[in-house]
Amino acid sequence: MNKNYDIVWSNIAENDLENIVEHIADNSPPNALKIVKRIKQKASSLYTFPERGRIVPELRDQGILQYRELVISPWRVLYRISEKSVLVLSVLDSRRNIEDILLKRLTNSKI
């Protein structure tokens, strides 16, 4: 029997999606909605086999192996798998420096 996972979006990931919509909507509102729908659908498909995403290369190089990503070009959906859920952590533009973005987010987070 296959295990199904709940897909949970973090506030940061939701904010990332909002920023994507706002940025794209400046030029093409209908296209912005299509893109967000595509990202959400692809991320939701992780509920049956979340391991299909690759380990984030920039983190793997640092020995951090618990974070995976699904590439929906040009975006990268970063997530972590827990026992019962997939937590979507960020949606990042792959054309930007991912290491800098992650470092900035980690140093600005309240723990």
N, C-alpha and C. Protein backbone atom coordinates (compact mmCIF):
# COMPACT_ATOMS: atom_id res chain seq x y z
N MET A 1 0.84 -1.19 0.00
CA MET A 1 0.00 0.00 0.00
C MET A 1 0.88 1.25 0.00
N ASN A 2 0.58 2.18 -0.88
CA ASN A 2 1.36 3.41 -0.96
C ASN A 2 0.97 4.37 0.14
N LYS A 3 1.96 5.08 0.64
CA LYS A 3 1.73 6.08 1.67
C LYS A 3 1.49 7.42 0.99
N ASN A 4 0.48 8.14 1.45
CA ASN A 4 0.21 9.48 0.94
C ASN A 4 0.61 10.50 1.99
N TYR A 5 1.20 11.59 1.55
CA TYR A 5 1.68 12.65 2.42
C TYR A 5 0.78 13.88 2.27
N ASP A 6 0.62 14.61 3.36
CA ASP A 6 -0.05 15.91 3.29
C ASP A 6 0.96 16.92 2.76
N ILE A 7 0.51 17.83 1.93
CA ILE A 7 1.37 18.91 1.43
C ILE A 7 1.04 20.15 2.26
N VAL A 8 2.05 20.69 2.94
CA VAL A 8 1.88 21.86 3.81
C VAL A 8 2.80 22.97 3.29
N TRP A 9 2.21 24.14 3.06
CA TRP A 9 2.98 25.28 2.56
C TRP A 9 3.35 26.19 3.73
N SER A 10 4.62 26.50 3.87
CA SER A 10 5.07 27.44 4.90
C SER A 10 4.65 28.85 4.52
N ASN A 11 4.64 29.74 5.50
CA ASN A 11 4.32 31.14 5.21
C ASN A 11 5.31 31.74 4.22
N ILE A 12 6.58 31.36 4.35
CA ILE A 12 7.60 31.88 3.44
C ILE A 12 7.31 31.42 2.01
N ALA A 13 6.96 30.16 1.83
CA ALA A 13 6.65 29.65 0.49
C ALA A 13 5.42 30.34 -0.09
N GLU A 14 4.41 30.56 0.74
CA GLU A 14 3.21 31.29 0.28
C GLU A 14 3.58 32.71 -0.13
N ASN A 15 4.44 33.36 0.65
CA ASN A 15 4.90 34.71 0.30
C ASN A 15 5.69 34.70 -1.00
N ASP A 16 6.52 33.66 -1.19
CA ASP A 16 7.26 33.54 -2.45
C ASP A 16 6.29 33.48 -3.63
N LEU A 17 5.22 32.69 -3.49
CA LEU A 17 4.23 32.59 -4.58
C LEU A 17 3.56 33.93 -4.84
N GLU A 18 3.22 34.63 -3.77
CA GLU A 18 2.60 35.95 -3.93
C GLU A 18 3.53 36.90 -4.68
N ASN A 19 4.81 36.85 -4.34
CA ASN A 19 5.79 37.71 -5.03
C ASN A 19 5.92 37.34 -6.50
N ILE A 20 5.86 36.06 -6.81
CA ILE A 20 5.91 35.61 -8.20
C ILE A 20 4.70 36.15 -8.96
N VAL A 21 3.53 36.03 -8.36
CA VAL A 21 2.30 36.53 -8.99
C VAL A 21 2.40 38.03 -9.25
N GLU A 22 2.81 38.78 -8.23
CA GLU A 22 2.90 40.23 -8.38
C GLU A 22 3.88 40.62 -9.48
N HIS A 23 5.02 39.96 -9.50
CA HIS A 23 6.04 40.29 -10.49
C HIS A 23 5.56 39.98 -11.92
N ILE A 24 5.01 38.81 -12.12
CA ILE A 24 4.56 38.42 -13.46
C ILE A 24 3.31 39.19 -13.87
N ALA A 25 2.44 39.47 -12.91
CA ALA A 25 1.19 40.17 -13.21
C ALA A 25 1.42 41.58 -13.72
N ASP A 26 2.57 42.16 -13.43
CA ASP A 26 2.88 43.48 -13.96
C ASP A 26 2.81 43.48 -15.49
N ASN A 27 3.20 42.36 -16.10
CA ASN A 27 3.19 42.26 -17.56
C ASN A 27 2.05 41.42 -18.10
N SER A 28 1.63 40.41 -17.33
CA SER A 28 0.61 39.48 -17.84
C SER A 28 -0.15 38.81 -16.70
N PRO A 29 -1.22 39.44 -16.21
CA PRO A 29 -1.99 38.83 -15.11
C PRO A 29 -2.48 37.41 -15.40
N PRO A 30 -3.00 37.11 -16.60
CA PRO A 30 -3.45 35.73 -16.83
C PRO A 30 -2.29 34.72 -16.76
N ASN A 31 -1.13 35.12 -17.26
CA ASN A 31 0.03 34.24 -17.22
C ASN A 31 0.48 34.00 -15.78
N ALA A 32 0.38 35.01 -14.93
CA ALA A 32 0.78 34.88 -13.53
C ALA A 32 -0.05 33.81 -12.84
N LEU A 33 -1.34 33.81 -13.07
CA LEU A 33 -2.21 32.81 -12.45
C LEU A 33 -1.92 31.41 -12.98
N LYS A 34 -1.64 31.30 -14.28
CA LYS A 34 -1.31 30.00 -14.86
C LYS A 34 -0.03 29.43 -14.25
N ILE A 35 0.95 30.28 -14.07
CA ILE A 35 2.23 29.83 -13.52
C ILE A 35 2.08 29.37 -12.08
N VAL A 36 1.36 30.13 -11.28
CA VAL A 36 1.17 29.74 -9.88
C VAL A 36 0.38 28.43 -9.80
N LYS A 37 -0.63 28.30 -10.65
CA LYS A 37 -1.40 27.05 -10.69
C LYS A 37 -0.49 25.87 -11.04
N ARG A 38 0.40 26.07 -12.00
CA ARG A 38 1.32 25.01 -12.40
C ARG A 38 2.26 24.63 -11.25
N ILE A 39 2.79 25.62 -10.56
CA ILE A 39 3.68 25.36 -9.42
C ILE A 39 2.94 24.59 -8.34
N LYS A 40 1.73 25.04 -8.00
CA LYS A 40 0.93 24.37 -6.95
C LYS A 40 0.60 22.93 -7.34
N GLN A 41 0.22 22.72 -8.60
CA GLN A 41 -0.12 21.36 -9.05
C GLN A 41 1.08 20.43 -8.99
N LYS A 42 2.22 20.91 -9.46
CA LYS A 42 3.43 20.07 -9.43
C LYS A 42 3.84 19.76 -8.00
N ALA A 43 3.78 20.75 -7.12
CA ALA A 43 4.13 20.52 -5.72
C ALA A 43 3.15 19.56 -5.07
N SER A 44 1.88 19.69 -5.39
CA SER A 44 0.86 18.80 -4.82
C SER A 44 1.08 17.35 -5.26
N SER A 45 1.68 17.17 -6.42
CA SER A 45 1.92 15.81 -6.90
C SER A 45 2.95 15.06 -6.05
N LEU A 46 3.64 15.75 -5.18
CA LEU A 46 4.62 15.10 -4.29
C LEU A 46 3.95 14.23 -3.24
N TYR A 47 2.64 14.32 -3.10
CA TYR A 47 1.96 13.60 -2.02
C TYR A 47 2.13 12.08 -2.13
N THR A 48 2.39 11.57 -3.32
CA THR A 48 2.55 10.11 -3.45
C THR A 48 4.00 9.65 -3.47
N PHE A 49 4.92 10.49 -3.92
CA PHE A 49 6.32 10.07 -4.00
C PHE A 49 7.24 11.28 -3.84
N PRO A 50 7.35 11.81 -2.63
CA PRO A 50 8.15 13.02 -2.42
C PRO A 50 9.65 12.83 -2.64
N GLU A 51 10.12 11.60 -2.59
CA GLU A 51 11.55 11.35 -2.78
C GLU A 51 12.01 11.58 -4.21
N ARG A 52 11.07 11.81 -5.13
CA ARG A 52 11.47 11.99 -6.52
C ARG A 52 12.22 13.31 -6.74
N GLY A 53 12.02 14.27 -5.86
CA GLY A 53 12.78 15.51 -5.96
C GLY A 53 14.23 15.27 -5.55
N ARG A 54 15.12 16.02 -6.14
CA ARG A 54 16.54 15.84 -5.82
C ARG A 54 16.91 16.58 -4.53
N ILE A 55 17.99 16.13 -3.91
CA ILE A 55 18.53 16.86 -2.77
C ILE A 55 19.08 18.17 -3.31
N VAL A 56 18.85 19.28 -2.59
CA VAL A 56 19.28 20.61 -3.05
C VAL A 56 20.81 20.60 -3.20
N PRO A 57 21.33 20.77 -4.43
CA PRO A 57 22.77 20.64 -4.65
C PRO A 57 23.63 21.56 -3.79
N GLU A 58 23.19 22.81 -3.62
CA GLU A 58 23.98 23.76 -2.83
C GLU A 58 24.07 23.34 -1.38
N LEU A 59 23.03 22.67 -0.89
CA LEU A 59 23.04 22.20 0.50
C LEU A 59 23.77 20.85 0.60
N ARG A 60 23.58 20.01 -0.40
CA ARG A 60 24.27 18.72 -0.41
C ARG A 60 25.78 18.92 -0.33
N ASP A 61 26.28 19.94 -1.03
CA ASP A 61 27.71 20.23 -1.01
C ASP A 61 28.21 20.59 0.39
N GLN A 62 27.28 21.02 1.25
CA GLN A 62 27.62 21.37 2.63
C GLN A 62 27.29 20.24 3.60
N GLY A 63 26.87 19.09 3.07
CA GLY A 63 26.54 17.94 3.91
C GLY A 63 25.14 17.99 4.49
N ILE A 64 24.29 18.90 3.98
CA ILE A 64 22.91 19.03 4.46
C ILE A 64 22.02 18.27 3.48
N LEU A 65 21.47 17.15 3.95
CA LEU A 65 20.80 16.24 3.03
C LEU A 65 19.29 16.12 3.21
N GLN A 66 18.70 16.81 4.18
CA GLN A 66 17.27 16.62 4.46
C GLN A 66 16.35 17.50 3.60
N TYR A 67 16.93 18.37 2.78
CA TYR A 67 16.11 19.26 1.96
C TYR A 67 16.16 18.82 0.50
N ARG A 68 14.98 18.78 -0.11
CA ARG A 68 14.86 18.38 -1.50
C ARG A 68 14.24 19.52 -2.30
N GLU A 69 14.27 19.35 -3.60
CA GLU A 69 13.66 20.37 -4.45
C GLU A 69 13.04 19.72 -5.68
N LEU A 70 12.01 20.38 -6.12
CA LEU A 70 11.34 20.02 -7.36
C LEU A 70 11.58 21.20 -8.30
N VAL A 71 12.15 20.95 -9.44
CA VAL A 71 12.44 22.02 -10.39
C VAL A 71 11.26 22.17 -11.34
N ILE A 72 10.69 23.36 -11.33
CA ILE A 72 9.60 23.73 -12.24
C ILE A 72 10.11 24.99 -12.93
N SER A 73 10.90 24.79 -13.92
CA SER A 73 11.71 25.84 -14.53
C SER A 73 10.90 27.10 -14.82
N PRO A 74 11.41 28.26 -14.42
CA PRO A 74 12.70 28.54 -13.80
C PRO A 74 12.68 28.54 -12.27
N TRP A 75 11.66 27.95 -11.68
CA TRP A 75 11.57 27.97 -10.22
C TRP A 75 12.01 26.66 -9.60
N ARG A 76 12.44 26.78 -8.35
CA ARG A 76 12.84 25.62 -7.57
C ARG A 76 11.99 25.62 -6.31
N VAL A 77 11.24 24.55 -6.11
CA VAL A 77 10.39 24.40 -4.93
C VAL A 77 11.17 23.57 -3.92
N LEU A 78 11.59 24.21 -2.83
CA LEU A 78 12.36 23.53 -1.80
C LEU A 78 11.42 23.00 -0.74
N TYR A 79 11.67 21.76 -0.30
CA TYR A 79 10.80 21.13 0.68
C TYR A 79 11.55 20.14 1.54
N ARG A 80 10.89 19.74 2.62
CA ARG A 80 11.42 18.74 3.54
C ARG A 80 10.33 17.70 3.77
N ILE A 81 10.73 16.45 3.83
CA ILE A 81 9.79 15.36 4.04
C ILE A 81 9.81 14.98 5.52
N SER A 82 8.62 14.89 6.11
CA SER A 82 8.51 14.37 7.47
C SER A 82 7.74 13.05 7.40
N GLU A 83 7.43 12.50 8.54
CA GLU A 83 6.77 11.20 8.58
C GLU A 83 5.45 11.18 7.82
N LYS A 84 4.67 12.26 7.95
CA LYS A 84 3.33 12.27 7.35
C LYS A 84 3.09 13.40 6.36
N SER A 85 4.08 14.28 6.19
CA SER A 85 3.83 15.44 5.34
C SER A 85 5.06 15.87 4.56
N VAL A 86 4.79 16.68 3.56
CA VAL A 86 5.82 17.36 2.79
C VAL A 86 5.63 18.84 3.11
N LEU A 87 6.66 19.45 3.70
CA LEU A 87 6.60 20.86 4.04
C LEU A 87 7.31 21.65 2.95
N VAL A 88 6.55 22.44 2.20
CA VAL A 88 7.12 23.29 1.16
C VAL A 88 7.67 24.52 1.86
N LEU A 89 8.98 24.74 1.71
CA LEU A 89 9.67 25.78 2.45
C LEU A 89 9.86 27.07 1.66
N SER A 90 10.13 26.96 0.37
CA SER A 90 10.42 28.14 -0.45
C SER A 90 10.15 27.83 -1.91
N VAL A 91 9.86 28.88 -2.65
CA VAL A 91 9.79 28.80 -4.11
C VAL A 91 10.73 29.89 -4.61
N LEU A 92 11.85 29.46 -5.20
CA LEU A 92 12.91 30.39 -5.56
C LEU A 92 13.15 30.39 -7.06
N ASP A 93 13.53 31.54 -7.57
CA ASP A 93 13.88 31.68 -8.98
C ASP A 93 15.28 31.11 -9.18
N SER A 94 15.39 30.10 -10.01
CA SER A 94 16.68 29.43 -10.21
C SER A 94 17.71 30.31 -10.90
N ARG A 95 17.29 31.44 -11.44
CA ARG A 95 18.23 32.34 -12.11
C ARG A 95 18.96 33.23 -11.10
N ARG A 96 18.53 33.15 -9.85
CA ARG A 96 19.18 33.93 -8.79
C ARG A 96 20.15 33.04 -8.03
N ASN A 97 20.99 33.65 -7.21
CA ASN A 97 21.97 32.91 -6.42
C ASN A 97 21.26 32.28 -5.22
N ILE A 98 20.99 31.00 -5.30
CA ILE A 98 20.23 30.29 -4.28
C ILE A 98 20.96 30.29 -2.94
N GLU A 99 22.28 30.12 -2.98
CA GLU A 99 23.05 30.10 -1.73
C GLU A 99 22.89 31.41 -0.97
N ASP A 100 22.96 32.54 -1.67
CA ASP A 100 22.80 33.84 -1.02
C ASP A 100 21.40 33.99 -0.42
N ILE A 101 20.39 33.56 -1.16
CA ILE A 101 19.01 33.67 -0.68
C ILE A 101 18.82 32.83 0.57
N LEU A 102 19.29 31.59 0.55
CA LEU A 102 19.13 30.71 1.71
C LEU A 102 19.89 31.24 2.91
N LEU A 103 21.10 31.73 2.70
CA LEU A 103 21.89 32.28 3.80
C LEU A 103 21.19 33.48 4.41
N LYS A 104 20.66 34.35 3.57
CA LYS A 104 19.95 35.53 4.06
C LYS A 104 18.72 35.12 4.87
N ARG A 105 17.98 34.15 4.37
CA ARG A 105 16.78 33.70 5.08
C ARG A 105 17.13 33.05 6.41
N LEU A 106 18.19 32.26 6.43
CA LEU A 106 18.59 31.61 7.68
C LEU A 106 19.08 32.61 8.71
N THR A 107 19.82 33.62 8.28
CA THR A 107 20.34 34.59 9.24
C THR A 107 19.26 35.57 9.70
N ASN A 108 18.19 35.72 8.93
CA ASN A 108 17.09 36.61 9.33
C ASN A 108 15.98 35.89 10.07
N SER A 109 16.06 34.55 10.16
CA SER A 109 14.96 33.82 10.81
C SER A 109 15.04 33.94 12.32
N LYS A 110 13.88 33.91 12.91
CA LYS A 110 13.76 33.97 14.37
C LYS A 110 13.61 32.55 14.88
N ILE A 111 14.58 32.10 15.65
CA ILE A 111 14.53 30.73 16.17
C ILE A 111 14.27 30.77 17.65
